[in-house]
């Protein structure tokens, strides 16, 4: 009775795939977002340029 403690919450699981996307994964993800209509062509070009350091 006195020794009971509430259970600690489970830790948040890290994203699958090891965490930070690689430099090759990021442009592919941008392409997927553009194909789904979630990025305009201008947004896609700007994000790609940032990734590539242009």
N, C-alpha and C. Protein backbone atom coordinates (compact mmCIF):
# COMPACT_ATOMS: atom_id res chain seq x y z
N UNK A 1 0.82 -1.18 0.00
CA UNK A 1 0.00 0.00 0.00
C UNK A 1 0.87 1.25 0.00
N UNK A 2 1.84 1.34 0.90
CA UNK A 2 2.67 2.54 0.97
C UNK A 2 3.77 2.53 -0.08
N UNK A 3 4.12 1.38 -0.62
CA UNK A 3 5.20 1.29 -1.60
C UNK A 3 4.74 1.49 -3.03
N UNK A 4 3.46 1.72 -3.25
CA UNK A 4 2.94 1.86 -4.60
C UNK A 4 3.27 3.23 -5.17
N UNK A 5 3.77 3.23 -6.39
CA UNK A 5 4.02 4.48 -7.10
C UNK A 5 3.39 4.38 -8.48
N UNK A 6 2.90 5.50 -9.01
CA UNK A 6 2.34 5.43 -10.35
C UNK A 6 3.43 5.08 -11.36
N UNK A 7 3.04 4.39 -12.37
CA UNK A 7 3.97 3.98 -13.41
C UNK A 7 4.41 5.20 -14.22
N UNK A 8 5.69 5.27 -14.53
CA UNK A 8 6.22 6.37 -15.35
C UNK A 8 5.69 6.22 -16.77
N UNK A 9 5.43 7.34 -17.45
CA UNK A 9 4.95 7.25 -18.83
C UNK A 9 6.02 6.64 -19.73
N UNK A 10 5.57 5.96 -20.77
CA UNK A 10 6.49 5.39 -21.73
C UNK A 10 7.22 6.52 -22.45
N UNK A 11 8.50 6.33 -22.74
CA UNK A 11 9.21 7.38 -23.49
C UNK A 11 8.66 7.47 -24.90
N UNK A 12 8.78 8.65 -25.47
CA UNK A 12 8.30 8.84 -26.84
C UNK A 12 9.25 8.11 -27.78
N UNK A 13 8.70 7.33 -28.66
CA UNK A 13 9.51 6.56 -29.59
C UNK A 13 10.16 7.48 -30.61
N UNK A 14 11.45 7.26 -30.92
CA UNK A 14 12.09 8.07 -31.95
C UNK A 14 11.50 7.76 -33.31
N UNK A 15 11.60 8.68 -34.25
CA UNK A 15 11.08 8.41 -35.58
C UNK A 15 11.75 7.19 -36.19
N UNK A 16 11.02 6.46 -36.98
CA UNK A 16 11.60 5.31 -37.63
C UNK A 16 12.61 5.79 -38.67
N UNK A 17 13.58 4.96 -38.96
CA UNK A 17 14.58 5.32 -39.94
C UNK A 17 15.80 5.99 -39.32
N UNK A 18 15.92 5.99 -38.01
CA UNK A 18 17.12 6.48 -37.37
C UNK A 18 17.16 7.95 -37.03
N UNK A 19 16.06 8.67 -37.17
CA UNK A 19 16.07 10.07 -36.75
C UNK A 19 16.19 11.03 -37.91
N UNK A 20 17.28 11.78 -37.94
CA UNK A 20 17.45 12.82 -38.94
C UNK A 20 17.55 12.23 -40.34
N UNK A 21 16.73 12.74 -41.26
CA UNK A 21 16.81 12.23 -42.63
C UNK A 21 18.16 12.57 -43.27
N UNK A 22 18.65 11.68 -44.12
CA UNK A 22 19.92 11.94 -44.78
C UNK A 22 19.73 12.99 -45.87
N UNK A 23 20.82 13.49 -46.36
CA UNK A 23 20.77 14.52 -47.40
C UNK A 23 20.10 13.97 -48.67
N UNK A 24 20.16 12.67 -48.89
CA UNK A 24 19.49 12.09 -50.06
C UNK A 24 18.01 11.85 -49.82
N UNK A 25 17.61 11.67 -48.58
CA UNK A 25 16.20 11.45 -48.25
C UNK A 25 15.39 12.74 -48.32
N UNK A 26 16.01 13.86 -47.99
CA UNK A 26 15.28 15.12 -47.91
C UNK A 26 14.72 15.58 -49.25
N UNK A 27 15.51 15.57 -50.35
CA UNK A 27 14.93 15.96 -51.64
C UNK A 27 13.82 15.01 -52.08
N UNK A 28 13.97 13.73 -51.79
CA UNK A 28 12.93 12.77 -52.14
C UNK A 28 11.64 13.08 -51.40
N UNK A 29 11.76 13.43 -50.13
CA UNK A 29 10.58 13.80 -49.34
C UNK A 29 9.94 15.07 -49.88
N UNK A 30 10.76 16.03 -50.27
CA UNK A 30 10.22 17.25 -50.87
C UNK A 30 9.45 16.93 -52.15
N UNK A 31 10.02 16.02 -52.96
CA UNK A 31 9.34 15.61 -54.19
C UNK A 31 7.99 14.98 -53.90
N UNK A 32 7.93 14.15 -52.87
CA UNK A 32 6.67 13.51 -52.48
C UNK A 32 5.64 14.56 -52.08
N UNK A 33 6.08 15.55 -51.30
CA UNK A 33 5.17 16.60 -50.86
C UNK A 33 4.66 17.41 -52.05
N UNK A 34 5.54 17.68 -53.01
CA UNK A 34 5.14 18.43 -54.20
C UNK A 34 4.14 17.62 -55.03
N UNK A 35 4.39 16.32 -55.18
CA UNK A 35 3.47 15.46 -55.95
C UNK A 35 2.11 15.38 -55.29
N UNK A 36 2.07 15.45 -53.98
CA UNK A 36 0.81 15.39 -53.25
C UNK A 36 0.08 16.73 -53.26
N UNK A 37 0.73 17.74 -53.82
CA UNK A 37 0.12 19.07 -53.86
C UNK A 37 0.27 19.86 -52.58
N UNK A 38 1.15 19.41 -51.71
CA UNK A 38 1.34 20.11 -50.43
C UNK A 38 2.38 21.21 -50.53
N UNK A 39 3.17 21.21 -51.62
CA UNK A 39 4.12 22.28 -51.88
C UNK A 39 3.88 22.79 -53.30
N UNK A 40 3.96 24.09 -53.47
CA UNK A 40 3.89 24.64 -54.83
C UNK A 40 5.25 24.41 -55.49
N UNK A 41 5.31 24.60 -56.79
CA UNK A 41 6.58 24.42 -57.48
C UNK A 41 7.61 25.44 -56.98
N UNK A 42 7.15 26.63 -56.62
CA UNK A 42 8.06 27.64 -56.08
C UNK A 42 8.60 27.23 -54.71
N UNK A 43 7.72 26.71 -53.85
CA UNK A 43 8.15 26.25 -52.53
C UNK A 43 9.12 25.08 -52.66
N UNK A 44 8.82 24.17 -53.58
CA UNK A 44 9.70 23.03 -53.81
C UNK A 44 11.08 23.50 -54.26
N UNK A 45 11.12 24.42 -55.23
CA UNK A 45 12.41 24.92 -55.75
C UNK A 45 13.21 25.63 -54.65
N UNK A 46 12.52 26.43 -53.84
CA UNK A 46 13.20 27.16 -52.76
C UNK A 46 13.75 26.19 -51.71
N UNK A 47 12.97 25.19 -51.33
CA UNK A 47 13.42 24.22 -50.32
C UNK A 47 14.57 23.39 -50.86
N UNK A 48 14.49 22.99 -52.11
CA UNK A 48 15.57 22.21 -52.73
C UNK A 48 16.85 23.04 -52.79
N UNK A 49 16.73 24.31 -53.13
CA UNK A 49 17.90 25.19 -53.20
C UNK A 49 18.55 25.33 -51.81
N UNK A 50 17.71 25.45 -50.76
CA UNK A 50 18.25 25.53 -49.39
C UNK A 50 19.00 24.27 -49.03
N UNK A 51 18.43 23.11 -49.38
CA UNK A 51 19.08 21.85 -49.06
C UNK A 51 20.42 21.69 -49.77
N UNK A 52 20.44 22.12 -51.02
CA UNK A 52 21.64 21.95 -51.83
C UNK A 52 22.65 23.09 -51.65
N UNK A 53 22.28 24.08 -50.85
CA UNK A 53 23.18 25.18 -50.57
C UNK A 53 23.32 26.15 -51.73
N UNK A 54 22.36 26.17 -52.63
CA UNK A 54 22.45 27.06 -53.80
C UNK A 54 21.88 28.42 -53.47
